Amino acid sequence: GAVHPQLQKSLGLNSTAYVFEVEVSALETRKLPEAVIVSKFPSNRRDIAILVADDVKIGDILNSIEKVGGNQLVDLNLFD
C-alpha cells in the first residue's frame, strides 16, 4: 500500500511511494506460457463448388484433392 505521508516527507520523497512484498518462491515455481511460432504464411479458407458427371465417385474427388493439397491441406469438408 501507500507509504504514510509523514514517512514520505521524512524520507524526502516528493511523490507518493508504495510498498509491497513479493513471494519469490511462488514466482520461481510458476509455469510460464510458451510462445507459439506464427507462420509466415497465414492460413486461408476456400469454399469451392465443382460440377462432375453423375458416375464420378466422391471418394475419387476427395482423394484427388488430398493428393494435390499434400501437407498444405489441413482440413477438407464435404457439404451437399
PDB file of N, CA and C in Angstrom:
ATOM      1  N   GLY A   1       0.802  -1.166   0.000  1.00  0.00           N
ATOM      2  CA  GLY A   1       0.000   0.000   0.000  1.00  0.00           C
ATOM      3  C   GLY A   1       0.860   1.251   0.000  1.00  0.00           C
ATOM      4  N   ALA A   2       0.203   2.383   0.080  1.00  0.00           N
ATOM      5  CA  ALA A   2       0.889   3.676   0.057  1.00  0.00           C
ATOM      6  C   ALA A   2       1.603   3.919   1.379  1.00  0.00           C
ATOM      7  N   VAL A   3       2.784   4.491   1.285  1.00  0.00           N
ATOM      8  CA  VAL A   3       3.560   4.855   2.476  1.00  0.00           C
ATOM      9  C   VAL A   3       2.890   6.069   3.118  1.00  0.00           C
ATOM     10  N   HIS A   4       2.855   6.080   4.442  1.00  0.00           N
ATOM     11  CA  HIS A   4       2.226   7.178   5.176  1.00  0.00           C
ATOM     12  C   HIS A   4       2.877   8.502   4.757  1.00  0.00           C
ATOM     13  N   PRO A   5       2.078   9.554   4.548  1.00  0.00           N
ATOM     14  CA  PRO A   5       2.609  10.848   4.103  1.00  0.00           C
ATOM     15  C   PRO A   5       3.726  11.406   4.993  1.00  0.00           C
ATOM     16  N   GLN A   6       3.623  11.220   6.311  1.00  0.00           N
ATOM     17  CA  GLN A   6       4.681  11.733   7.199  1.00  0.00           C
ATOM     18  C   GLN A   6       6.003  11.016   6.943  1.00  0.00           C
ATOM     19  N   LEU A   7       5.944   9.696   6.730  1.00  0.00           N
ATOM     20  CA  LEU A   7       7.161   8.933   6.445  1.00  0.00           C
ATOM     21  C   LEU A   7       7.735   9.343   5.093  1.00  0.00           C
ATOM     22  N   GLN A   8       6.877   9.563   4.120  1.00  0.00           N
ATOM     23  CA  GLN A   8       7.344  10.018   2.808  1.00  0.00           C
ATOM     24  C   GLN A   8       8.086  11.347   2.942  1.00  0.00           C
ATOM     25  N   LYS A   9       7.501  12.252   3.737  1.00  0.00           N
ATOM     26  CA  LYS A   9       8.099  13.573   3.931  1.00  0.00           C
ATOM     27  C   LYS A   9       9.451  13.441   4.624  1.00  0.00           C
ATOM     28  N   SER A  10       9.519  12.583   5.668  1.00  0.00           N
ATOM     29  CA  SER A  10      10.777  12.427   6.406  1.00  0.00           C
ATOM     30  C   SER A  10      11.859  11.770   5.549  1.00  0.00           C
ATOM     31  N   LEU A  11      11.452  10.986   4.553  1.00  0.00           N
ATOM     32  CA  LEU A  11      12.417  10.361   3.644  1.00  0.00           C
ATOM     33  C   LEU A  11      12.766  11.274   2.464  1.00  0.00           C
ATOM     34  N   GLY A  12      12.116  12.417   2.387  1.00  0.00           N
ATOM     35  CA  GLY A  12      12.395  13.372   1.316  1.00  0.00           C
ATOM     36  C   GLY A  12      11.811  12.963  -0.025  1.00  0.00           C
ATOM     37  N   LEU A  13      10.718  12.202   0.021  1.00  0.00           N
ATOM     38  CA  LEU A  13      10.078  11.774  -1.224  1.00  0.00           C
ATOM     39  C   LEU A  13       9.075  12.832  -1.670  1.00  0.00           C
ATOM     40  N   ASN A  14       9.118  13.188  -2.942  1.00  0.00           N
ATOM     41  CA  ASN A  14       8.244  14.239  -3.466  1.00  0.00           C
ATOM     42  C   ASN A  14       6.921  13.715  -4.017  1.00  0.00           C
ATOM     43  N   SER A  15       6.824  12.419  -4.207  1.00  0.00           N
ATOM     44  CA  SER A  15       5.575  11.858  -4.721  1.00  0.00           C
ATOM     45  C   SER A  15       5.203  10.624  -3.904  1.00  0.00           C
ATOM     46  N   THR A  16       3.999  10.140  -4.115  1.00  0.00           N
ATOM     47  CA  THR A  16       3.502   9.003  -3.349  1.00  0.00           C
ATOM     48  C   THR A  16       4.350   7.762  -3.617  1.00  0.00           C
ATOM     49  N   ALA A  17       4.746   7.091  -2.535  1.00  0.00           N
ATOM     50  CA  ALA A  17       5.517   5.851  -2.641  1.00  0.00           C
ATOM     51  C   ALA A  17       4.647   4.691  -2.178  1.00  0.00           C
ATOM     52  N   TYR A  18       4.884   3.541  -2.750  1.00  0.00           N
ATOM     53  CA  TYR A  18       4.122   2.345  -2.405  1.00  0.00           C
ATOM     54  C   TYR A  18       5.076   1.241  -1.971  1.00  0.00           C
ATOM     55  N   VAL A  19       4.607   0.405  -1.054  1.00  0.00           N
ATOM     56  CA  VAL A  19       5.390  -0.714  -0.548  1.00  0.00           C
ATOM     57  C   VAL A  19       4.602  -1.993  -0.808  1.00  0.00           C
ATOM     58  N   PHE A  20       5.325  -3.047  -1.201  1.00  0.00           N
ATOM     59  CA  PHE A  20       4.672  -4.339  -1.409  1.00  0.00           C
ATOM     60  C   PHE A  20       5.682  -5.452  -1.176  1.00  0.00           C
ATOM     61  N   GLU A  21       5.166  -6.643  -0.970  1.00  0.00           N
ATOM     62  CA  GLU A  21       6.005  -7.821  -0.780  1.00  0.00           C
ATOM     63  C   GLU A  21       5.839  -8.735  -1.984  1.00  0.00           C
ATOM     64  N   VAL A  22       6.930  -9.378  -2.348  1.00  0.00           N
ATOM     65  CA  VAL A  22       6.892 -10.347  -3.442  1.00  0.00           C
ATOM     66  C   VAL A  22       7.382 -11.685  -2.905  1.00  0.00           C
ATOM     67  N   GLU A  23       6.579 -12.720  -3.084  1.00  0.00           N
ATOM     68  CA  GLU A  23       6.991 -14.059  -2.685  1.00  0.00           C
ATOM     69  C   GLU A  23       7.722 -14.689  -3.875  1.00  0.00           C
ATOM     70  N   VAL A  24       9.046 -14.583  -3.840  1.00  0.00           N
ATOM     71  CA  VAL A  24       9.877 -15.012  -4.961  1.00  0.00           C
ATOM     72  C   VAL A  24       9.705 -16.504  -5.244  1.00  0.00           C
ATOM     73  N   SER A  25       9.556 -17.304  -4.214  1.00  0.00           N
ATOM     74  CA  SER A  25       9.417 -18.750  -4.436  1.00  0.00           C
ATOM     75  C   SER A  25       8.174 -19.071  -5.269  1.00  0.00           C
ATOM     76  N   ALA A  26       7.117 -18.295  -5.093  1.00  0.00           N
ATOM     77  CA  ALA A  26       5.905 -18.510  -5.891  1.00  0.00           C
ATOM     78  C   ALA A  26       6.157 -18.165  -7.356  1.00  0.00           C
ATOM     79  N   LEU A  27       6.964 -17.158  -7.595  1.00  0.00           N
ATOM     80  CA  LEU A  27       7.288 -16.779  -8.973  1.00  0.00           C
ATOM     81  C   LEU A  27       8.179 -17.819  -9.636  1.00  0.00           C
ATOM     82  N   GLU A  28       9.092 -18.392  -8.857  1.00  0.00           N
ATOM     83  CA  GLU A  28      10.021 -19.373  -9.411  1.00  0.00           C
ATOM     84  C   GLU A  28       9.318 -20.653  -9.841  1.00  0.00           C
ATOM     85  N   THR A  29       8.263 -21.043  -9.141  1.00  0.00           N
ATOM     86  CA  THR A  29       7.578 -22.296  -9.451  1.00  0.00           C
ATOM     87  C   THR A  29       6.467 -22.120 -10.480  1.00  0.00           C
ATOM     88  N   ARG A  30       6.161 -20.890 -10.816  1.00  0.00           N
ATOM     89  CA  ARG A  30       5.083 -20.626 -11.772  1.00  0.00           C
ATOM     90  C   ARG A  30       5.509 -21.057 -13.171  1.00  0.00           C
ATOM     91  N   LYS A  31       4.632 -21.781 -13.855  1.00  0.00           N
ATOM     92  CA  LYS A  31       4.923 -22.200 -15.216  1.00  0.00           C
ATOM     93  C   LYS A  31       4.598 -21.056 -16.175  1.00  0.00           C
ATOM     94  N   LEU A  32       5.581 -20.662 -16.945  1.00  0.00           N
ATOM     95  CA  LEU A  32       5.383 -19.585 -17.906  1.00  0.00           C
ATOM     96  C   LEU A  32       4.802 -20.143 -19.202  1.00  0.00           C
ATOM     97  N   PRO A  33       3.929 -19.392 -19.851  1.00  0.00           N
ATOM     98  CA  PRO A  33       3.385 -19.861 -21.126  1.00  0.00           C
ATOM     99  C   PRO A  33       4.476 -19.885 -22.192  1.00  0.00           C
ATOM    100  N   GLU A  34       4.367 -20.840 -23.088  1.00  0.00           N
ATOM    101  CA  GLU A  34       5.339 -20.942 -24.168  1.00  0.00           C
ATOM    102  C   GLU A  34       4.809 -20.214 -25.396  1.00  0.00           C
ATOM    103  N   ALA A  35       5.708 -19.552 -26.082  1.00  0.00           N
ATOM    104  CA  ALA A  35       5.328 -18.827 -27.288  1.00  0.00           C
ATOM    105  C   ALA A  35       5.056 -19.816 -28.417  1.00  0.00           C
ATOM    106  N   VAL A  36       4.121 -19.474 -29.260  1.00  0.00           N
ATOM    107  CA  VAL A  36       3.794 -20.294 -30.414  1.00  0.00           C
ATOM    108  C   VAL A  36       4.367 -19.611 -31.645  1.00  0.00           C
ATOM    109  N   ILE A  37       5.058 -20.379 -32.448  1.00  0.00           N
ATOM    110  CA  ILE A  37       5.640 -19.812 -33.665  1.00  0.00           C
ATOM    111  C   ILE A  37       4.511 -19.495 -34.645  1.00  0.00           C
ATOM    112  N   VAL A  38       4.509 -18.274 -35.134  1.00  0.00           N
ATOM    113  CA  VAL A  38       3.486 -17.830 -36.079  1.00  0.00           C
ATOM    114  C   VAL A  38       4.000 -18.072 -37.490  1.00  0.00           C
ATOM    115  N   SER A  39       3.172 -18.685 -38.293  1.00  0.00           N
ATOM    116  CA  SER A  39       3.557 -18.991 -39.663  1.00  0.00           C
ATOM    117  C   SER A  39       3.734 -17.716 -40.481  1.00  0.00           C
ATOM    118  N   LYS A  40       4.724 -17.739 -41.368  1.00  0.00           N
ATOM    119  CA  LYS A  40       4.905 -16.612 -42.285  1.00  0.00           C
ATOM    120  C   LYS A  40       3.786 -16.580 -43.322  1.00  0.00           C
ATOM    121  N   PHE A  41       3.127 -17.712 -43.479  1.00  0.00           N
ATOM    122  CA  PHE A  41       2.069 -17.835 -44.466  1.00  0.00           C
ATOM    123  C   PHE A  41       0.751 -18.113 -43.742  1.00  0.00           C
ATOM    124  N   PRO A  42      -0.075 -17.101 -43.547  1.00  0.00           N
ATOM    125  CA  PRO A  42      -1.323 -17.294 -42.810  1.00  0.00           C
ATOM    126  C   PRO A  42      -2.254 -18.269 -43.544  1.00  0.00           C
ATOM    127  N   SER A  43      -3.038 -18.978 -42.766  1.00  0.00           N
ATOM    128  CA  SER A  43      -3.969 -19.927 -43.376  1.00  0.00           C
ATOM    129  C   SER A  43      -5.087 -19.174 -44.083  1.00  0.00           C
ATOM    130  N   ASN A  44      -5.701 -19.853 -45.017  1.00  0.00           N
ATOM    131  CA  ASN A  44      -6.870 -19.273 -45.667  1.00  0.00           C
ATOM    132  C   ASN A  44      -7.883 -20.382 -45.903  1.00  0.00           C
ATOM    133  N   ARG A  45      -9.084 -19.992 -46.140  1.00  0.00           N
ATOM    134  CA  ARG A  45     -10.175 -20.945 -46.293  1.00  0.00           C
ATOM    135  C   ARG A  45     -10.825 -20.712 -47.643  1.00  0.00           C
ATOM    136  N   ARG A  46     -11.107 -21.788 -48.318  1.00  0.00           N
ATOM    137  CA  ARG A  46     -11.742 -21.691 -49.630  1.00  0.00           C
ATOM    138  C   ARG A  46     -13.018 -22.522 -49.649  1.00  0.00           C
ATOM    139  N   ASP A  47     -14.030 -21.983 -50.263  1.00  0.00           N
ATOM    140  CA  ASP A  47     -15.291 -22.679 -50.476  1.00  0.00           C
ATOM    141  C   ASP A  47     -15.394 -22.873 -51.985  1.00  0.00           C
ATOM    142  N   ILE A  48     -15.223 -24.101 -52.431  1.00  0.00           N
ATOM    143  CA  ILE A  48     -15.165 -24.374 -53.865  1.00  0.00           C
ATOM    144  C   ILE A  48     -16.328 -25.280 -54.265  1.00  0.00           C
ATOM    145  N   ALA A  49     -17.012 -24.893 -55.321  1.00  0.00           N
ATOM    146  CA  ALA A  49     -18.091 -25.718 -55.870  1.00  0.00           C
ATOM    147  C   ALA A  49     -17.620 -26.295 -57.201  1.00  0.00           C
ATOM    148  N   ILE A  50     -17.830 -27.590 -57.385  1.00  0.00           N
ATOM    149  CA  ILE A  50     -17.449 -28.217 -58.650  1.00  0.00           C
ATOM    150  C   ILE A  50     -18.621 -29.052 -59.171  1.00  0.00           C
ATOM    151  N   LEU A  51     -18.713 -29.138 -60.482  1.00  0.00           N
ATOM    152  CA  LEU A  51     -19.721 -29.973 -61.131  1.00  0.00           C
ATOM    153  C   LEU A  51     -19.003 -31.141 -61.778  1.00  0.00           C
ATOM    154  N   VAL A  52     -19.511 -32.337 -61.533  1.00  0.00           N
ATOM    155  CA  VAL A  52     -18.911 -33.538 -62.114  1.00  0.00           C
ATOM    156  C   VAL A  52     -20.021 -34.413 -62.681  1.00  0.00           C
ATOM    157  N   ALA A  53     -19.614 -35.344 -63.502  1.00  0.00           N
ATOM    158  CA  ALA A  53     -20.577 -36.290 -64.076  1.00  0.00           C
ATOM    159  C   ALA A  53     -21.169 -37.158 -62.970  1.00  0.00           C
ATOM    160  N   ASP A  54     -22.350 -37.674 -63.227  1.00  0.00           N
ATOM    161  CA  ASP A  54     -23.058 -38.481 -62.228  1.00  0.00           C
ATOM    162  C   ASP A  54     -22.298 -39.742 -61.829  1.00  0.00           C
ATOM    163  N   ASP A  55     -21.460 -40.270 -62.719  1.00  0.00           N
ATOM    164  CA  ASP A  55     -20.773 -41.528 -62.419  1.00  0.00           C
ATOM    165  C   ASP A  55     -19.446 -41.336 -61.666  1.00  0.00           C
ATOM    166  N   VAL A  56     -19.071 -40.098 -61.377  1.00  0.00           N
ATOM    167  CA  VAL A  56     -17.831 -39.832 -60.631  1.00  0.00           C
ATOM    168  C   VAL A  56     -18.100 -40.043 -59.146  1.00  0.00           C
ATOM    169  N   LYS A  57     -17.246 -40.839 -58.515  1.00  0.00           N
ATOM    170  CA  LYS A  57     -17.426 -41.162 -57.097  1.00  0.00           C
ATOM    171  C   LYS A  57     -16.802 -40.074 -56.225  1.00  0.00           C
ATOM    172  N   ILE A  58     -17.480 -39.774 -55.122  1.00  0.00           N
ATOM    173  CA  ILE A  58     -16.992 -38.748 -54.200  1.00  0.00           C
ATOM    174  C   ILE A  58     -15.618 -39.114 -53.641  1.00  0.00           C
ATOM    175  N   GLY A  59     -15.397 -40.395 -53.417  1.00  0.00           N
ATOM    176  CA  GLY A  59     -14.099 -40.844 -52.910  1.00  0.00           C
ATOM    177  C   GLY A  59     -12.968 -40.475 -53.853  1.00  0.00           C
ATOM    178  N   ASP A  60     -13.226 -40.592 -55.165  1.00  0.00           N
ATOM    179  CA  ASP A  60     -12.209 -40.228 -56.154  1.00  0.00           C
ATOM    180  C   ASP A  60     -11.911 -38.733 -56.107  1.00  0.00           C
ATOM    181  N   ILE A  61     -12.956 -37.931 -55.935  1.00  0.00           N
ATOM    182  CA  ILE A  61     -12.782 -36.474 -55.857  1.00  0.00           C
ATOM    183  C   ILE A  61     -11.971 -36.110 -54.615  1.00  0.00           C
ATOM    184  N   LEU A  62     -12.352 -36.668 -53.475  1.00  0.00           N
ATOM    185  CA  LEU A  62     -11.644 -36.357 -52.226  1.00  0.00           C
ATOM    186  C   LEU A  62     -10.191 -36.810 -52.287  1.00  0.00           C
ATOM    187  N   ASN A  63      -9.950 -37.997 -52.851  1.00  0.00           N
ATOM    188  CA  ASN A  63      -8.572 -38.482 -52.978  1.00  0.00           C
ATOM    189  C   ASN A  63      -7.737 -37.564 -53.859  1.00  0.00           C
ATOM    190  N   SER A  64      -8.322 -37.088 -54.942  1.00  0.00           N
ATOM    191  CA  SER A  64      -7.602 -36.180 -55.840  1.00  0.00           C
ATOM    192  C   SER A  64      -7.257 -34.871 -55.141  1.00  0.00           C
ATOM    193  N   ILE A  65      -8.213 -34.331 -54.399  1.00  0.00           N
ATOM    194  CA  ILE A  65      -7.972 -33.075 -53.676  1.00  0.00           C
ATOM    195  C   ILE A  65      -6.879 -33.267 -52.634  1.00  0.00           C
ATOM    196  N   GLU A  66      -6.933 -34.370 -51.881  1.00  0.00           N
ATOM    197  CA  GLU A  66      -5.918 -34.637 -50.858  1.00  0.00           C
ATOM    198  C   GLU A  66      -4.539 -34.838 -51.481  1.00  0.00           C
ATOM    199  N   LYS A  67      -4.496 -35.497 -52.636  1.00  0.00           N
ATOM    200  CA  LYS A  67      -3.221 -35.731 -53.317  1.00  0.00           C
ATOM    201  C   LYS A  67      -2.601 -34.406 -53.761  1.00  0.00           C
ATOM    202  N   VAL A  68      -3.402 -33.551 -54.354  1.00  0.00           N
ATOM    203  CA  VAL A  68      -2.903 -32.256 -54.830  1.00  0.00           C
ATOM    204  C   VAL A  68      -2.561 -31.338 -53.657  1.00  0.00           C
ATOM    205  N   GLY A  69      -3.394 -31.357 -52.613  1.00  0.00           N
ATOM    206  CA  GLY A  69      -3.174 -30.484 -51.456  1.00  0.00           C
ATOM    207  C   GLY A  69      -1.950 -30.855 -50.647  1.00  0.00           C
ATOM    208  N   GLY A  70      -1.628 -32.129 -50.609  1.00  0.00           N
ATOM    209  CA  GLY A  70      -0.454 -32.587 -49.859  1.00  0.00           C
ATOM    210  C   GLY A  70      -0.494 -32.133 -48.409  1.00  0.00           C
ATOM    211  N   ASN A  71       0.674 -31.750 -47.887  1.00  0.00           N
ATOM    212  CA  ASN A  71       0.741 -31.325 -46.478  1.00  0.00           C
ATOM    213  C   ASN A  71       0.226 -29.900 -46.272  1.00  0.00           C
ATOM    214  N   GLN A  72      -0.102 -29.209 -47.354  1.00  0.00           N
ATOM    215  CA  GLN A  72      -0.665 -27.867 -47.234  1.00  0.00           C
ATOM    216  C   GLN A  72      -2.153 -27.919 -46.884  1.00  0.00           C
ATOM    217  N   LEU A  73      -2.790 -29.030 -47.199  1.00  0.00           N
ATOM    218  CA  LEU A  73      -4.214 -29.199 -46.910  1.00  0.00           C
ATOM    219  C   LEU A  73      -4.382 -29.636 -45.462  1.00  0.00           C
ATOM    220  N   VAL A  74      -5.055 -28.813 -44.679  1.00  0.00           N
ATOM    221  CA  VAL A  74      -5.242 -29.100 -43.257  1.00  0.00           C
ATOM    222  C   VAL A  74      -6.578 -29.777 -43.011  1.00  0.00           C
ATOM    223  N   ASP A  75      -7.610 -29.344 -43.703  1.00  0.00           N
ATOM    224  CA  ASP A  75      -8.946 -29.873 -43.457  1.00  0.00           C
ATOM    225  C   ASP A  75      -9.734 -29.863 -44.759  1.00  0.00           C
ATOM    226  N   LEU A  76     -10.583 -30.842 -44.916  1.00  0.00           N
ATOM    227  CA  LEU A  76     -11.412 -30.949 -46.111  1.00  0.00           C
ATOM    228  C   LEU A  76     -12.803 -31.374 -45.667  1.00  0.00           C
ATOM    229  N   ASN A  77     -13.797 -30.564 -45.969  1.00  0.00           N
ATOM    230  CA  ASN A  77     -15.176 -30.859 -45.583  1.00  0.00           C
ATOM    231  C   ASN A  77     -16.054 -30.905 -46.820  1.00  0.00           C
ATOM    232  N   LEU A  78     -16.850 -31.927 -46.885  1.00  0.00           N
ATOM    233  CA  LEU A  78     -17.806 -32.068 -47.974  1.00  0.00           C
ATOM    234  C   LEU A  78     -19.177 -31.636 -47.475  1.00  0.00           C
ATOM    235  N   PHE A  79     -19.877 -30.856 -48.279  1.00  0.00           N
ATOM    236  CA  PHE A  79     -21.247 -30.494 -47.933  1.00  0.00           C
ATOM    237  C   PHE A  79     -22.108 -30.589 -49.177  1.00  0.00           C
ATOM    238  N   ASP A  80     -23.359 -30.934 -48.969  1.00  0.00           N
ATOM    239  CA  ASP A  80     -24.373 -31.084 -50.007  1.00  0.00           C
ATOM    240  C   ASP A  80     -23.834 -31.877 -51.159  1.00  0.00           C
TER     241      ASP A  80
END
